[in-house]
Amino acid sequence: MILKQLRISRHLSQEQLALMSGLNVRTIQRIESGQKPSLESLKCLASVLEVDVSTLNQEIFMIDKNTENWQSLPFLLKCWFFFNFLNFRPTRASAKRVEVLAHISGFLFCALGLLNQAALAGGLCMLSTAYLFYLVIWQGDKYGIWYEPLEAKST
């Protein structure tokens, strides 16, 4: 069951989830440790986490790095998985902001490059960063890796 992963992805403690769902903390602990919950408990948790009951019954999905699926992923996408391991959750909006800022600063530095050669080099580096983030956004859309915070889903 993926309850623990859903709870953690929404930055909730077991106590907070229990309070929001009307369940006992011990019930949450039992479910996360592998005991089968009642249908009523699943309905309460599903409504709080804004998922279907069937989603709560899904098993944990682990990526085996020796499989062909992992080997076929692009290097940049594997880097995003590493950031996820560090509990850094990339969103499409944050990547887009970095891309736009890198484009703007890159063009500004390139314009300053008419006066100073170092500014031109910095501008080219910023433009390279912008196009790198454009590639990351494209791959993120292609493979669906973006993390959506709970607030973004409700709007």
Protein backbone atom coordinates (compact mmCIF):
# COMPACT_ATOMS: atom_id res chain seq x y z
CA MET A 1 0.00 0.00 0.00
CA ILE A 2 1.27 3.45 -0.88
CA LEU A 3 -0.26 5.34 2.05
CA LYS A 4 3.08 6.29 3.57
CA GLN A 5 4.41 7.64 0.26
CA LEU A 6 1.24 9.69 -0.30
CA ARG A 7 1.38 11.03 3.25
CA ILE A 8 5.03 12.01 2.96
CA SER A 9 4.57 13.57 -0.48
CA ARG A 10 1.96 15.87 1.05
CA HIS A 11 4.30 16.71 3.93
CA LEU A 12 1.94 15.30 6.57
CA SER A 13 2.89 13.54 9.78
CA GLN A 14 0.99 10.48 10.94
CA GLU A 15 -0.60 12.61 13.65
CA GLN A 16 -1.76 15.24 11.14
CA LEU A 17 -3.20 12.59 8.82
CA ALA A 18 -5.00 10.93 11.74
CA LEU A 19 -6.48 14.25 12.85
CA MET A 20 -7.61 15.17 9.33
CA SER A 21 -9.09 11.74 8.60
CA GLY A 22 -10.71 11.17 11.99
CA LEU A 23 -8.74 7.96 12.49
CA ASN A 24 -6.50 6.96 15.36
CA VAL A 25 -2.71 7.45 14.97
CA ARG A 26 -2.27 3.77 15.81
CA THR A 27 -4.60 2.89 12.89
CA ILE A 28 -2.42 4.90 10.52
CA GLN A 29 0.68 3.15 11.88
CA ARG A 30 -0.89 -0.29 11.42
CA ILE A 31 -1.94 0.46 7.85
CA GLU A 32 1.52 1.78 6.97
CA SER A 33 3.13 -1.31 8.50
CA GLY A 34 1.14 -3.55 6.16
CA GLN A 35 -2.07 -4.50 7.94
CA LYS A 36 -5.21 -4.54 5.82
CA PRO A 37 -7.46 -1.55 6.59
CA SER A 38 -11.24 -1.51 6.63
CA LEU A 39 -13.15 0.01 3.74
CA GLU A 40 -14.30 2.88 5.98
CA SER A 41 -10.70 3.70 6.93
CA LEU A 42 -9.71 3.65 3.27
CA LYS A 43 -12.56 6.01 2.39
CA CYS A 44 -11.52 8.46 5.12
CA LEU A 45 -7.88 8.41 4.02
CA ALA A 46 -8.77 8.69 0.34
CA SER A 47 -10.90 11.78 0.94
CA VAL A 48 -8.15 13.50 2.95
CA LEU A 49 -5.42 12.63 0.43
CA GLU A 50 -7.72 13.45 -2.51
CA VAL A 51 -7.21 10.09 -4.24
CA ASP A 52 -9.40 7.12 -5.10
CA VAL A 53 -9.66 4.16 -2.76
CA SER A 54 -8.17 2.04 -5.55
CA THR A 55 -5.10 4.30 -5.55
CA LEU A 56 -4.55 3.59 -1.86
CA ASN A 57 -4.59 -0.14 -2.58
CA GLN A 58 -1.77 0.13 -5.12
CA GLU A 59 1.52 -1.45 -4.25
CA ILE A 60 4.75 0.51 -3.89
CA PHE A 61 6.54 1.01 -7.20
CA MET A 62 10.31 0.69 -6.99
CA ILE A 63 12.69 1.24 -9.89
CA ASP A 64 15.31 -1.44 -10.26
CA LYS A 65 18.35 0.29 -11.73
CA ASN A 66 19.40 -2.89 -13.50
CA THR A 67 16.27 -3.08 -15.63
CA GLU A 68 16.04 -2.02 -19.25
CA ASN A 69 13.50 0.71 -18.35
CA TRP A 70 16.00 2.46 -16.09
CA GLN A 71 18.86 2.02 -18.54
CA SER A 72 16.82 3.61 -21.35
CA LEU A 73 16.03 6.79 -19.38
CA PRO A 74 18.03 9.88 -20.42
CA PHE A 75 20.85 10.98 -18.10
CA LEU A 76 19.14 14.26 -17.18
CA LEU A 77 16.03 12.42 -16.09
CA LYS A 78 18.12 10.14 -13.88
CA CYS A 79 19.55 13.29 -12.29
CA TRP A 80 16.01 14.40 -11.42
CA PHE A 81 15.50 11.06 -9.64
CA PHE A 82 18.67 11.79 -7.65
CA PHE A 83 17.26 15.19 -6.64
CA ASN A 84 14.07 13.41 -5.60
CA PHE A 85 16.19 11.15 -3.36
CA LEU A 86 17.48 14.32 -1.69
CA ASN A 87 13.81 15.28 -1.10
CA PHE A 88 14.06 18.04 -3.68
CA ARG A 89 10.77 17.91 -5.56
CA PRO A 90 11.03 19.58 -8.96
CA THR A 91 7.91 21.21 -10.31
CA ARG A 92 7.35 22.25 -13.88
CA ALA A 93 6.69 25.82 -12.74
CA SER A 94 10.02 26.06 -10.88
CA ALA A 95 11.95 24.67 -13.86
CA LYS A 96 10.14 27.11 -16.17
CA ARG A 97 11.04 30.03 -13.88
CA VAL A 98 14.72 29.06 -13.98
CA GLU A 99 14.56 28.78 -17.76
CA VAL A 100 12.96 32.23 -18.17
CA LEU A 101 15.37 33.88 -15.72
CA ALA A 102 18.35 32.27 -17.44
CA HIS A 103 17.13 33.48 -20.84
CA ILE A 104 16.59 37.06 -19.62
CA SER A 105 19.91 37.28 -17.79
CA GLY A 106 21.69 35.56 -20.67
CA PHE A 107 20.42 38.11 -23.19
CA LEU A 108 21.26 41.00 -20.84
CA PHE A 109 24.79 39.73 -20.27
CA CYS A 110 25.26 39.19 -24.00
CA ALA A 111 24.21 42.80 -24.58
CA LEU A 112 26.75 43.87 -21.94
CA GLY A 113 29.24 41.73 -23.84
CA LEU A 114 29.55 44.60 -26.30
CA LEU A 115 31.38 46.44 -23.52
CA ASN A 116 33.06 43.61 -21.63
CA GLN A 117 34.26 40.25 -22.91
CA ALA A 118 33.67 38.53 -19.53
CA ALA A 119 30.01 39.56 -19.62
CA LEU A 120 29.67 37.93 -23.04
CA ALA A 121 31.06 34.66 -21.67
CA GLY A 122 28.65 34.84 -18.72
CA GLY A 123 25.75 35.53 -21.08
CA LEU A 124 26.59 32.51 -23.19
CA CYS A 125 26.75 30.36 -20.05
CA MET A 126 23.34 31.65 -18.93
CA LEU A 127 21.83 30.98 -22.36
CA SER A 128 23.28 27.47 -22.27
CA THR A 129 21.64 26.96 -18.87
CA ALA A 130 18.33 28.22 -20.25
CA TYR A 131 18.41 25.74 -23.12
CA LEU A 132 19.43 22.96 -20.75
CA PHE A 133 16.36 23.70 -18.62
CA TYR A 134 14.23 23.81 -21.77
CA LEU A 135 15.46 20.27 -22.47
CA VAL A 136 14.72 19.20 -18.89
CA ILE A 137 11.18 20.59 -19.13
CA TRP A 138 10.63 18.80 -22.42
CA GLN A 139 11.83 15.49 -20.95
CA GLY A 140 9.83 16.05 -17.78
CA ASP A 141 6.68 16.50 -19.87
CA LYS A 142 7.54 13.47 -21.97
CA TYR A 143 8.11 11.16 -18.98
CA GLY A 144 5.67 12.80 -16.54
CA ILE A 145 8.10 13.31 -13.63
CA TRP A 146 6.74 16.57 -12.27
CA TYR A 147 5.74 16.81 -8.64
CA GLU A 148 2.51 18.72 -8.07
CA PRO A 149 2.03 20.09 -4.56
CA LEU A 150 -1.37 19.51 -2.98
CA GLU A 151 -2.28 23.22 -3.26
CA ALA A 152 -1.69 23.19 -7.04
CA LYS A 153 -4.03 20.24 -7.58
CA SER A 154 -6.96 21.94 -5.87
CA THR A 155 -6.77 25.07 -8.06
